[in-house]
Amino acid sequence: MLHFIVNLHSKSGYARVIWGKIEEVLQEQGTAYETYFTEYKGHATKIAEDLTFTEQNIRIVVLGGDGTVNEVVEGIGDFEHVILGYIPTGSSNDLARSLGLPTDPKKAILNILSPKYFIQMDIGEVRTKKGKRRFVVSNGIGLDASICEEALDSKIKKVLNTLKLGKLTYVLIALKQILLFQMPSSEILIDGKQKRSYKGIYFISSHIHKYEGGGLMICPKASYNDGKIDVCVVKNLKKLKLLCLLPSAYFGKHTKSRGVDMIRCNEITIKTSRKMNVHTDGESMGMQNEISVHTLNEKLTIIARNV
């Protein structure tokens, strides 16, 4: 039995068309499945909580974007008894990009129905003074989180998704945010012992996977199963230089620039001089001035691409 958690609103509603194609294959194959449609923000978390509380050795398939996967993973009670499949229908699809998962609906569902390869994947966790939240792809504090915050309800995003140009959403919003952004100072603590101070930062982005923001290779050396967090700090740059730097991030060529620090660690604690936006996989965690980031001890089993 497959349990589908489906966000029909992803990709500005085009996910509804994709789901129709998936159902055709499921019915042709005579597959036993249950479907749960998300109806509000956080609903996928509640569905995953209920499923993993009542059943063991369960296969959950997510149809949605990275944010929907984030909600599902947040709700999973016990990773040991869950296998996750993913059919990407979002704007950025950075998880699918990192894992090389099929984006064609038919190929994606056939890959899940007859899986040959599985990945044991790290899951990150962010702790704040008010609580904690898991992440699958990345977490950020600062400019990148401000961009994600605006993108969540952006009219531009909806239009570009309709035109199948959703990745441009983050580029256009980034240009606006950079012009308005004021850099705070920051202190970080790496693995509980190494301290660094910055007079001004744009953002600090912590990664399980290489990409975020629709293909920006922020942490090109990130590995999804090494138990580590890869961190990118962008700091002390003039705005014009930052604008010139960002395009190189699509190729992972920004990492040796003067305004960039790259860190690999088990845990990082970040304090900023003022509260800033924080995101997990593009989902808002509100305004914070102190966060701690690490990976969980448990790993999540996810269906990989058949090769």
C-alpha atoms as a PDB file:
ATOM      1  CA  MET A   1       0.000   0.000   0.000  1.00  0.00           C
ATOM      2  CA  LEU A   2       1.299   3.437  -0.978  1.00  0.00           C
ATOM      3  CA  HIS A   3       0.192   6.528   0.936  1.00  0.00           C
ATOM      4  CA  PHE A   4       0.248   9.687  -1.216  1.00  0.00           C
ATOM      5  CA  ILE A   5       0.406  13.115   0.424  1.00  0.00           C
ATOM      6  CA  VAL A   6      -0.501  15.492  -2.388  1.00  0.00           C
ATOM      7  CA  ASN A   7      -0.262  19.276  -2.531  1.00  0.00           C
ATOM      8  CA  LEU A   8      -2.476  20.183  -5.491  1.00  0.00           C
ATOM      9  CA  HIS A   9      -1.625  23.866  -5.058  1.00  0.00           C
ATOM     10  CA  SER A  10       2.096  23.491  -5.828  1.00  0.00           C
ATOM     11  CA  LYS A  11       3.334  24.988  -9.086  1.00  0.00           C
ATOM     12  CA  SER A  12       0.331  27.340  -9.004  1.00  0.00           C
ATOM     13  CA  GLY A  13      -2.091  24.442  -9.271  1.00  0.00           C
ATOM     14  CA  TYR A  14      -0.376  22.638 -12.154  1.00  0.00           C
ATOM     15  CA  ALA A  15       0.256  19.804  -9.684  1.00  0.00           C
ATOM     16  CA  ARG A  16      -3.393  18.862 -10.215  1.00  0.00           C
ATOM     17  CA  VAL A  17      -2.580  17.962 -13.829  1.00  0.00           C
ATOM     18  CA  ILE A  18       0.470  15.979 -12.750  1.00  0.00           C
ATOM     19  CA  TRP A  19      -1.562  14.100 -10.142  1.00  0.00           C
ATOM     20  CA  GLY A  20      -4.068  13.134 -12.825  1.00  0.00           C
ATOM     21  CA  LYS A  21      -1.265  11.570 -14.854  1.00  0.00           C
ATOM     22  CA  ILE A  22       0.027   9.733 -11.789  1.00  0.00           C
ATOM     23  CA  GLU A  23      -3.407   8.304 -11.021  1.00  0.00           C
ATOM     24  CA  GLU A  24      -3.729   6.993 -14.560  1.00  0.00           C
ATOM     25  CA  VAL A  25      -0.541   4.963 -14.088  1.00  0.00           C
ATOM     26  CA  LEU A  26      -1.585   3.756 -10.639  1.00  0.00           C
ATOM     27  CA  GLN A  27      -4.891   2.491 -11.988  1.00  0.00           C
ATOM     28  CA  GLU A  28      -3.250   0.883 -15.027  1.00  0.00           C
ATOM     29  CA  GLN A  29      -0.821  -0.926 -12.725  1.00  0.00           C
ATOM     30  CA  GLY A  30      -3.548  -1.994 -10.291  1.00  0.00           C
ATOM     31  CA  THR A  31      -1.652  -0.377  -7.413  1.00  0.00           C
ATOM     32  CA  ALA A  32      -3.229  -0.195  -3.953  1.00  0.00           C
ATOM     33  CA  TYR A  33      -2.969   3.349  -2.629  1.00  0.00           C
ATOM     34  CA  GLU A  34      -4.540   5.961  -0.368  1.00  0.00           C
ATOM     35  CA  THR A  35      -4.516   9.677  -1.113  1.00  0.00           C
ATOM     36  CA  TYR A  36      -4.401  12.580   1.345  1.00  0.00           C
ATOM     37  CA  PHE A  37      -4.760  16.087  -0.092  1.00  0.00           C
ATOM     38  CA  THR A  38      -3.269  18.983   1.850  1.00  0.00           C
ATOM     39  CA  GLU A  39      -5.755  21.721   2.644  1.00  0.00           C
ATOM     40  CA  TYR A  40      -3.762  24.292   4.629  1.00  0.00           C
ATOM     41  CA  LYS A  41      -0.244  25.204   5.710  1.00  0.00           C
ATOM     42  CA  GLY A  42       1.112  22.509   8.031  1.00  0.00           C
ATOM     43  CA  HIS A  43      -1.515  19.948   6.996  1.00  0.00           C
ATOM     44  CA  ALA A  44       1.107  17.610   5.482  1.00  0.00           C
ATOM     45  CA  THR A  45       2.808  17.483   8.884  1.00  0.00           C
ATOM     46  CA  LYS A  46      -0.440  16.430  10.569  1.00  0.00           C
ATOM     47  CA  ILE A  47      -1.097  13.772   7.919  1.00  0.00           C
ATOM     48  CA  ALA A  48       2.418  12.353   8.310  1.00  0.00           C
ATOM     49  CA  GLU A  49       2.084  12.350  12.100  1.00  0.00           C
ATOM     50  CA  ASP A  50      -1.172  10.401  11.925  1.00  0.00           C
ATOM     51  CA  LEU A  51       0.150   7.903   9.362  1.00  0.00           C
ATOM     52  CA  THR A  52       3.395   7.119  11.165  1.00  0.00           C
ATOM     53  CA  PHE A  53       1.676   6.935  14.554  1.00  0.00           C
ATOM     54  CA  THR A  54      -0.843   4.322  13.453  1.00  0.00           C
ATOM     55  CA  GLU A  55       1.238   2.285  10.981  1.00  0.00           C
ATOM     56  CA  GLN A  56       4.726   0.810  10.806  1.00  0.00           C
ATOM     57  CA  ASN A  57       6.799  -0.097   7.773  1.00  0.00           C
ATOM     58  CA  ILE A  58       4.908   2.461   5.731  1.00  0.00           C
ATOM     59  CA  ARG A  59       5.668   3.904   2.288  1.00  0.00           C
ATOM     60  CA  ILE A  60       4.777   7.569   1.904  1.00  0.00           C
ATOM     61  CA  VAL A  61       4.951   9.343  -1.454  1.00  0.00           C
ATOM     62  CA  VAL A  62       5.031  13.146  -1.497  1.00  0.00           C
ATOM     63  CA  LEU A  63       3.726  15.035  -4.518  1.00  0.00           C
ATOM     64  CA  GLY A  64       4.581  18.693  -4.100  1.00  0.00           C
ATOM     65  CA  GLY A  65       7.554  20.997  -3.703  1.00  0.00           C
ATOM     66  CA  ASP A  66      10.456  21.054  -1.263  1.00  0.00           C
ATOM     67  CA  GLY A  67       8.204  22.804   1.250  1.00  0.00           C
ATOM     68  CA  THR A  68       5.718  19.933   1.165  1.00  0.00           C
ATOM     69  CA  VAL A  69       8.538  17.425   1.738  1.00  0.00           C
ATOM     70  CA  ASN A  70       9.675  19.591   4.647  1.00  0.00           C
ATOM     71  CA  GLU A  71       6.219  19.421   6.226  1.00  0.00           C
ATOM     72  CA  VAL A  72       6.012  15.645   5.770  1.00  0.00           C
ATOM     73  CA  VAL A  73       9.455  15.014   7.269  1.00  0.00           C
ATOM     74  CA  GLU A  74       8.577  17.273  10.190  1.00  0.00           C
ATOM     75  CA  GLY A  75       5.635  14.979  10.958  1.00  0.00           C
ATOM     76  CA  ILE A  76       7.325  11.569  10.641  1.00  0.00           C
ATOM     77  CA  GLY A  77       7.403   9.907  14.040  1.00  0.00           C
ATOM     78  CA  ASP A  78       9.982   7.179  13.433  1.00  0.00           C
ATOM     79  CA  PHE A  79      12.308   7.259  10.431  1.00  0.00           C
ATOM     80  CA  GLU A  80      13.269   3.612  10.885  1.00  0.00           C
ATOM     81  CA  HIS A  81       9.875   2.375   9.717  1.00  0.00           C
ATOM     82  CA  VAL A  82       9.302   4.810   6.814  1.00  0.00           C
ATOM     83  CA  ILE A  83      10.343   4.757   3.169  1.00  0.00           C
ATOM     84  CA  LEU A  84       9.762   8.034   1.341  1.00  0.00           C
ATOM     85  CA  GLY A  85       9.124   8.561  -2.366  1.00  0.00           C
ATOM     86  CA  TYR A  86       9.093  12.000  -3.943  1.00  0.00           C
ATOM     87  CA  ILE A  87       7.459  13.345  -7.111  1.00  0.00           C
ATOM     88  CA  PRO A  88       8.596  16.981  -7.515  1.00  0.00           C
ATOM     89  CA  THR A  89       5.990  19.552  -8.558  1.00  0.00           C
ATOM     90  CA  GLY A  90       7.368  22.712  -6.956  1.00  0.00           C
ATOM     91  CA  SER A  91       9.037  25.877  -8.225  1.00  0.00           C
ATOM     92  CA  SER A  92      12.598  25.065  -7.205  1.00  0.00           C
ATOM     93  CA  ASN A  93      12.704  21.250  -6.726  1.00  0.00           C
ATOM     94  CA  ASP A  94      16.196  21.418  -5.229  1.00  0.00           C
ATOM     95  CA  LEU A  95      15.869  18.058  -3.470  1.00  0.00           C
ATOM     96  CA  ALA A  96      15.011  16.285  -6.729  1.00  0.00           C
ATOM     97  CA  ARG A  97      17.831  18.151  -8.488  1.00  0.00           C
ATOM     98  CA  SER A  98      20.357  17.018  -5.881  1.00  0.00           C
ATOM     99  CA  LEU A  99      19.230  13.383  -5.959  1.00  0.00           C
ATOM    100  CA  GLY A 100      18.726  13.274  -9.732  1.00  0.00           C
ATOM    101  CA  LEU A 101      15.090  12.213  -9.345  1.00  0.00           C
ATOM    102  CA  PRO A 102      12.875  12.114 -12.455  1.00  0.00           C
ATOM    103  CA  THR A 103      10.673  15.157 -12.993  1.00  0.00           C
ATOM    104  CA  ASP A 104       8.586  13.533 -15.736  1.00  0.00           C
ATOM    105  CA  PRO A 105       5.411  12.316 -13.942  1.00  0.00           C
ATOM    106  CA  LYS A 106       5.282   8.881 -15.584  1.00  0.00           C
ATOM    107  CA  LYS A 107       8.975   8.178 -15.049  1.00  0.00           C
ATOM    108  CA  ALA A 108       8.719   9.409 -11.481  1.00  0.00           C
ATOM    109  CA  ILE A 109       5.836   7.122 -10.501  1.00  0.00           C
ATOM    110  CA  LEU A 110       7.283   4.087 -12.304  1.00  0.00           C
ATOM    111  CA  ASN A 111      10.524   4.686 -10.415  1.00  0.00           C
ATOM    112  CA  ILE A 112       8.565   4.574  -7.150  1.00  0.00           C
ATOM    113  CA  LEU A 113       6.431   1.554  -8.084  1.00  0.00           C
ATOM    114  CA  SER A 114       9.497  -0.555  -8.939  1.00  0.00           C
ATOM    115  CA  PRO A 115      12.304   0.852  -6.804  1.00  0.00           C
ATOM    116  CA  LYS A 116      15.779  -0.639  -7.080  1.00  0.00           C
ATOM    117  CA  TYR A 117      17.873   1.862  -5.187  1.00  0.00           C
ATOM    118  CA  PHE A 118      17.419   3.530  -1.805  1.00  0.00           C
ATOM    119  CA  ILE A 119      19.327   6.343  -0.103  1.00  0.00           C
ATOM    120  CA  GLN A 120      19.929   6.816   3.607  1.00  0.00           C
ATOM    121  CA  MET A 121      19.607  10.587   3.832  1.00  0.00           C
ATOM    122  CA  ASP A 122      20.579  13.020   6.585  1.00  0.00           C
ATOM    123  CA  ILE A 123      17.940  15.270   8.083  1.00  0.00           C
ATOM    124  CA  GLY A 124      18.868  18.634   9.560  1.00  0.00           C
ATOM    125  CA  GLU A 125      17.337  20.334  12.576  1.00  0.00           C
ATOM    126  CA  VAL A 126      17.199  24.007  13.551  1.00  0.00           C
ATOM    127  CA  ARG A 127      16.718  25.016  17.177  1.00  0.00           C
ATOM    128  CA  THR A 128      15.618  28.480  18.270  1.00  0.00           C
ATOM    129  CA  LYS A 129      14.592  29.960  21.611  1.00  0.00           C
ATOM    130  CA  LYS A 130      10.971  29.186  20.701  1.00  0.00           C
ATOM    131  CA  GLY A 131      11.255  25.667  19.313  1.00  0.00           C
ATOM    132  CA  LYS A 132      12.801  23.465  16.665  1.00  0.00           C
ATOM    133  CA  ARG A 133      12.136  22.321  13.123  1.00  0.00           C
ATOM    134  CA  ARG A 134      13.628  19.786  10.729  1.00  0.00           C
ATOM    135  CA  PHE A 135      14.887  20.501   7.241  1.00  0.00           C
ATOM    136  CA  VAL A 136      15.694  18.317   4.252  1.00  0.00           C
ATOM    137  CA  VAL A 137      17.625  20.572   1.861  1.00  0.00           C
ATOM    138  CA  SER A 138      18.776  23.751   3.591  1.00  0.00           C
ATOM    139  CA  ASN A 139      18.268  26.285   6.345  1.00  0.00           C
ATOM    140  CA  GLY A 140      19.176  29.947   6.207  1.00  0.00           C
ATOM    141  CA  ILE A 141      19.181  33.112   8.262  1.00  0.00           C
ATOM    142  CA  GLY A 142      19.318  36.532   6.658  1.00  0.00           C
ATOM    143  CA  LEU A 143      18.888  37.570   3.041  1.00  0.00           C
ATOM    144  CA  ASP A 144      18.122  34.102   1.639  1.00  0.00           C
ATOM    145  CA  ALA A 145      15.378  33.620   4.237  1.00  0.00           C
ATOM    146  CA  SER A 146      13.945  37.071   3.453  1.00  0.00           C
ATOM    147  CA  ILE A 147      13.769  36.056  -0.206  1.00  0.00           C
ATOM    148  CA  CYS A 148      12.002  32.799   0.735  1.00  0.00           C
ATOM    149  CA  GLU A 149       9.593  34.692   2.998  1.00  0.00           C
ATOM    150  CA  GLU A 150       8.538  37.018   0.180  1.00  0.00           C
ATOM    151  CA  ALA A 151       8.384  34.176  -2.353  1.00  0.00           C
ATOM    152  CA  LEU A 152       5.891  32.199  -0.261  1.00  0.00           C
ATOM    153  CA  ASP A 153       3.021  34.533  -1.168  1.00  0.00           C
ATOM    154  CA  SER A 154       4.475  36.226  -4.212  1.00  0.00           C
ATOM    155  CA  LYS A 155       2.158  37.099  -7.111  1.00  0.00           C
ATOM    156  CA  ILE A 156       5.250  37.038  -9.350  1.00  0.00           C
ATOM    157  CA  LYS A 157       5.853  33.415  -8.364  1.00  0.00           C
ATOM    158  CA  LYS A 158       2.334  32.415  -9.352  1.00  0.00           C
ATOM    159  CA  VAL A 159       2.639  34.100 -12.752  1.00  0.00           C
ATOM    160  CA  LEU A 160       6.076  32.622 -13.471  1.00  0.00           C
ATOM    161  CA  ASN A 161       4.944  29.153 -12.365  1.00  0.00           C
ATOM    162  CA  THR A 162       2.105  29.397 -14.865  1.00  0.00           C
ATOM    163  CA  LEU A 163       4.687  30.205 -17.546  1.00  0.00           C
ATOM    164  CA  LYS A 164       6.935  27.360 -16.264  1.00  0.00           C
ATOM    165  CA  LEU A 165       9.558  29.932 -15.267  1.00  0.00           C
ATOM    166  CA  GLY A 166       9.209  29.498 -11.510  1.00  0.00           C
ATOM    167  CA  LYS A 167      12.966  29.479 -10.890  1.00  0.00           C
ATOM    168  CA  LEU A 168      13.132  33.139 -11.941  1.00  0.00           C
ATOM    169  CA  THR A 169      10.975  34.046  -8.932  1.00  0.00           C
ATOM    170  CA  TYR A 170      13.935  33.884  -6.574  1.00  0.00           C
ATOM    171  CA  VAL A 171      16.161  35.885  -8.925  1.00  0.00           C
ATOM    172  CA  LEU A 172      13.702  38.769  -9.242  1.00  0.00           C
ATOM    173  CA  ILE A 173      12.899  38.859  -5.526  1.00  0.00           C
ATOM    174  CA  ALA A 174      16.616  38.625  -4.694  1.00  0.00           C
ATOM    175  CA  LEU A 175      17.356  41.766  -6.720  1.00  0.00           C
ATOM    176  CA  LYS A 176      14.753  43.698  -4.765  1.00  0.00           C
ATOM    177  CA  GLN A 177      15.824  42.320  -1.377  1.00  0.00           C
ATOM    178  CA  ILE A 178      19.521  43.050  -1.955  1.00  0.00           C
ATOM    179  CA  LEU A 179      18.774  46.716  -2.630  1.00  0.00           C
ATOM    180  CA  LEU A 180      16.859  47.027   0.663  1.00  0.00           C
ATOM    181  CA  PHE A 181      18.984  44.759   2.867  1.00  0.00           C
ATOM    182  CA  GLN A 182      20.993  46.117   5.807  1.00  0.00           C
ATOM    183  CA  MET A 183      23.779  43.819   7.051  1.00  0.00           C
ATOM    184  CA  PRO A 184      23.850  42.966  10.796  1.00  0.00           C
ATOM    185  CA  SER A 185      26.934  41.786  12.655  1.00  0.00           C
ATOM    186  CA  SER A 186      27.115  38.129  13.607  1.00  0.00           C
ATOM    187  CA  GLU A 187      28.962  35.633  15.782  1.00  0.00           C
ATOM    188  CA  ILE A 188      29.113  31.914  15.087  1.00  0.00           C
ATOM    189  CA  LEU A 189      30.275  28.964  17.170  1.00  0.00           C
ATOM    190  CA  ILE A 190      31.454  25.911  15.216  1.00  0.00           C
ATOM    191  CA  ASP A 191      31.201  22.501  16.926  1.00  0.00           C
ATOM    192  CA  GLY A 192      31.066  24.190  20.311  1.00  0.00           C
ATOM    193  CA  LYS A 193      34.670  25.430  20.227  1.00  0.00           C
ATOM    194  CA  GLN A 194      35.651  27.610  17.259  1.00  0.00           C
ATOM    195  CA  LYS A 195      34.331  31.180  17.265  1.00  0.00           C
ATOM    196  CA  ARG A 196      34.150  33.613  14.369  1.00  0.00           C
ATOM    197  CA  SER A 197      32.861  37.178  14.263  1.00  0.00           C
ATOM    198  CA  TYR A 198      31.591  39.121  11.246  1.00  0.00           C
ATOM    199  CA  LYS A 199      31.023  42.875  11.048  1.00  0.00           C
ATOM    200  CA  GLY A 200      28.307  42.395   8.451  1.00  0.00           C
ATOM    201  CA  ILE A 201      26.599  39.396   6.872  1.00  0.00           C
ATOM    202  CA  TYR A 202      24.063  38.964   4.098  1.00  0.00           C
ATOM    203  CA  PHE A 203      23.172  35.407   5.024  1.00  0.00           C
ATOM    204  CA  ILE A 204      24.387  32.187   6.622  1.00  0.00           C
ATOM    205  CA  SER A 205      23.046  29.129   4.796  1.00  0.00           C
ATOM    206  CA  SER A 206      23.345  25.598   6.250  1.00  0.00           C
ATOM    207  CA  HIS A 207      22.986  22.658   3.879  1.00  0.00           C
ATOM    208  CA  ILE A 208      22.346  18.935   3.646  1.00  0.00           C
ATOM    209  CA  HIS A 209      22.222  19.182  -0.163  1.00  0.00           C
ATOM    210  CA  LYS A 210      24.110  21.312  -2.687  1.00  0.00           C
ATOM    211  CA  TYR A 211      21.300  23.475  -4.001  1.00  0.00           C
ATOM    212  CA  GLU A 212      18.690  25.975  -2.934  1.00  0.00           C
ATOM    213  CA  GLY A 213      16.640  28.704  -4.557  1.00  0.00           C
ATOM    214  CA  GLY A 214      15.952  26.833  -7.780  1.00  0.00           C
ATOM    215  CA  GLY A 215      19.438  25.621  -8.665  1.00  0.00           C
ATOM    216  CA  LEU A 216      21.904  27.884  -6.857  1.00  0.00           C
ATOM    217  CA  MET A 217      24.785  25.545  -5.918  1.00  0.00           C
ATOM    218  CA  ILE A 218      25.389  27.261  -2.601  1.00  0.00           C
ATOM    219  CA  CYS A 219      27.362  24.393  -1.025  1.00  0.00           C
ATOM    220  CA  PRO A 220      28.869  22.405  -3.925  1.00  0.00           C
ATOM    221  CA  LYS A 221      30.644  19.901  -1.654  1.00  0.00           C
ATOM    222  CA  ALA A 222      27.641  19.093   0.532  1.00  0.00           C
ATOM    223  CA  SER A 223      26.941  15.374   0.949  1.00  0.00           C
ATOM    224  CA  TYR A 224      23.486  14.181   1.982  1.00  0.00           C
ATOM    225  CA  ASN A 225      24.710  11.198   4.003  1.00  0.00           C
ATOM    226  CA  ASP A 226      27.930  12.261   5.767  1.00  0.00           C
ATOM    227  CA  GLY A 227      26.239  13.479   8.952  1.00  0.00           C
ATOM    228  CA  LYS A 228      27.718  16.963   8.449  1.00  0.00           C
ATOM    229  CA  ILE A 229      26.331  20.428   7.871  1.00  0.00           C
ATOM    230  CA  ASP A 230      27.913  22.454   5.047  1.00  0.00           C
ATOM    231  CA  VAL A 231      27.652  26.180   5.706  1.00  0.00           C
ATOM    232  CA  CYS A 232      28.039  29.179   3.413  1.00  0.00           C
ATOM    233  CA  VAL A 233      28.581  32.625   4.983  1.00  0.00           C
ATOM    234  CA  VAL A 234      28.272  35.620   2.642  1.00  0.00           C
ATOM    235  CA  LYS A 235      29.598  38.757   4.317  1.00  0.00           C
ATOM    236  CA  ASN A 236      31.253  42.178   4.068  1.00  0.00           C
ATOM    237  CA  LEU A 237      30.496  42.797   0.383  1.00  0.00           C
ATOM    238  CA  LYS A 238      29.267  45.869  -1.413  1.00  0.00           C
ATOM    239  CA  LYS A 239      25.905  45.278  -3.016  1.00  0.00           C
ATOM    240  CA  LEU A 240      27.243  45.610  -6.552  1.00  0.00           C
ATOM    241  CA  LYS A 241      29.854  42.922  -5.828  1.00  0.00           C
ATOM    242  CA  LEU A 242      27.162  40.675  -4.342  1.00  0.00           C
ATOM    243  CA  LEU A 243      25.068  41.067  -7.501  1.00  0.00           C
ATOM    244  CA  CYS A 244      28.089  40.057  -9.568  1.00  0.00           C
ATOM    245  CA  LEU A 245      28.785  37.102  -7.271  1.00  0.00           C
ATOM    246  CA  LEU A 246      25.324  35.529  -7.299  1.00  0.00           C
ATOM    247  CA  PRO A 247      25.319  34.263 -10.929  1.00  0.00           C
ATOM    248  CA  SER A 248      28.512  32.288 -10.226  1.00  0.00           C
ATOM    249  CA  ALA A 249      26.624  30.393  -7.506  1.00  0.00           C
ATOM    250  CA  TYR A 250      24.664  28.538 -10.206  1.00  0.00           C
ATOM    251  CA  PHE A 251      27.968  26.818 -11.007  1.00  0.00           C
ATOM    252  CA  GLY A 252      29.348  26.665  -7.455  1.00  0.00           C
ATOM    253  CA  LYS A 253      32.134  29.088  -8.398  1.00  0.00           C
ATOM    254  CA  HIS A 254      31.463  31.602  -5.626  1.00  0.00           C
ATOM    255  CA  THR A 255      33.105  29.615  -2.829  1.00  0.00           C
ATOM    256  CA  LYS A 256      36.615  31.098  -3.169  1.00  0.00           C
ATOM    257  CA  SER A 257      35.509  34.724  -3.335  1.00  0.00           C
ATOM    258  CA  ARG A 258      36.729  37.124  -0.629  1.00  0.00           C
ATOM    259  CA  GLY A 259      33.258  37.686   0.732  1.00  0.00           C
ATOM    260  CA  VAL A 260      32.443  33.994   1.217  1.00  0.00           C
ATOM    261  CA  ASP A 261      33.365  31.560   4.009  1.00  0.00           C
ATOM    262  CA  MET A 262      32.685  27.838   3.574  1.00  0.00           C
ATOM    263  CA  ILE A 263      32.443  25.657   6.690  1.00  0.00           C
ATOM    264  CA  ARG A 264      31.791  21.958   7.287  1.00  0.00           C
ATOM    265  CA  CYS A 265      30.816  20.976  10.814  1.00  0.00           C
ATOM    266  CA  ASN A 266      28.638  18.838  13.047  1.00  0.00           C
ATOM    267  CA  GLU A 267      26.848  21.796  14.593  1.00  0.00           C
ATOM    268  CA  ILE A 268      26.812  25.566  14.231  1.00  0.00           C
ATOM    269  CA  THR A 269      25.316  28.213  16.505  1.00  0.00           C
ATOM    270  CA  ILE A 270      24.587  31.601  14.944  1.00  0.00           C
ATOM    271  CA  LYS A 271      23.877  34.873  16.765  1.00  0.00           C
ATOM    272  CA  THR A 272      23.030  38.109  14.965  1.00  0.00           C
ATOM    273  CA  SER A 273      22.876  41.686  16.234  1.00  0.00           C
ATOM    274  CA  ARG A 274      19.209  41.958  15.261  1.00  0.00           C
ATOM    275  CA  LYS A 275      16.411  39.559  14.485  1.00  0.00           C
ATOM    276  CA  MET A 276      16.391  38.219  10.943  1.00  0.00           C
ATOM    277  CA  ASN A 277      14.214  35.940   8.853  1.00  0.00           C
ATOM    278  CA  VAL A 278      14.924  32.212   9.181  1.00  0.00           C
ATOM    279  CA  HIS A 279      13.808  29.482   6.772  1.00  0.00           C
ATOM    280  CA  THR A 280      13.846  25.692   6.588  1.00  0.00           C
ATOM    281  CA  ASP A 281      13.504  24.436   2.989  1.00  0.00           C
ATOM    282  CA  GLY A 282      11.933  27.771   2.091  1.00  0.00           C
ATOM    283  CA  GLU A 283       9.374  27.574   4.914  1.00  0.00           C
ATOM    284  CA  SER A 284       9.394  30.443   7.401  1.00  0.00           C
ATOM    285  CA  MET A 285      10.533  30.084  11.015  1.00  0.00           C
ATOM    286  CA  GLY A 286       9.860  33.754  11.692  1.00  0.00           C
ATOM    287  CA  MET A 287      12.355  36.342  12.939  1.00  0.00           C
ATOM    288  CA  GLN A 288      15.212  35.110  15.148  1.00  0.00           C
ATOM    289  CA  ASN A 289      18.557  36.401  16.414  1.00  0.00           C
ATOM    290  CA  GLU A 290      19.941  33.039  17.566  1.00  0.00           C
ATOM    291  CA  ILE A 291      19.720  29.590  16.002  1.00  0.00           C
ATOM    292  CA  SER A 292      21.569  26.285  16.323  1.00  0.00           C
ATOM    293  CA  VAL A 293      21.826  23.850  13.393  1.00  0.00           C
ATOM    294  CA  HIS A 294      22.824  20.170  13.330  1.00  0.00           C
ATOM    295  CA  THR A 295      21.854  16.834  11.768  1.00  0.00           C
ATOM    296  CA  LEU A 296      19.720  14.221  13.505  1.00  0.00           C
ATOM    297  CA  ASN A 297      21.216  10.881  14.509  1.00  0.00           C
ATOM    298  CA  GLU A 298      18.577   9.042  12.462  1.00  0.00           C
ATOM    299  CA  LYS A 299      18.573   8.951   8.675  1.00  0.00           C
ATOM    300  CA  LEU A 300      15.560   8.845   6.347  1.00  0.00           C
ATOM    301  CA  THR A 301      15.243   6.160   3.672  1.00  0.00           C
ATOM    302  CA  ILE A 302      14.238   7.678   0.337  1.00  0.00           C
ATOM    303  CA  ILE A 303      13.677   6.005  -3.022  1.00  0.00           C
ATOM    304  CA  ALA A 304      16.512   6.938  -5.380  1.00  0.00           C
ATOM    305  CA  ARG A 305      16.563   7.073  -9.142  1.00  0.00           C
ATOM    306  CA  ASN A 306      16.864   3.728 -10.948  1.00  0.00           C
ATOM    307  CA  VAL A 307      19.974   3.772 -13.150  1.00  0.00           C
END
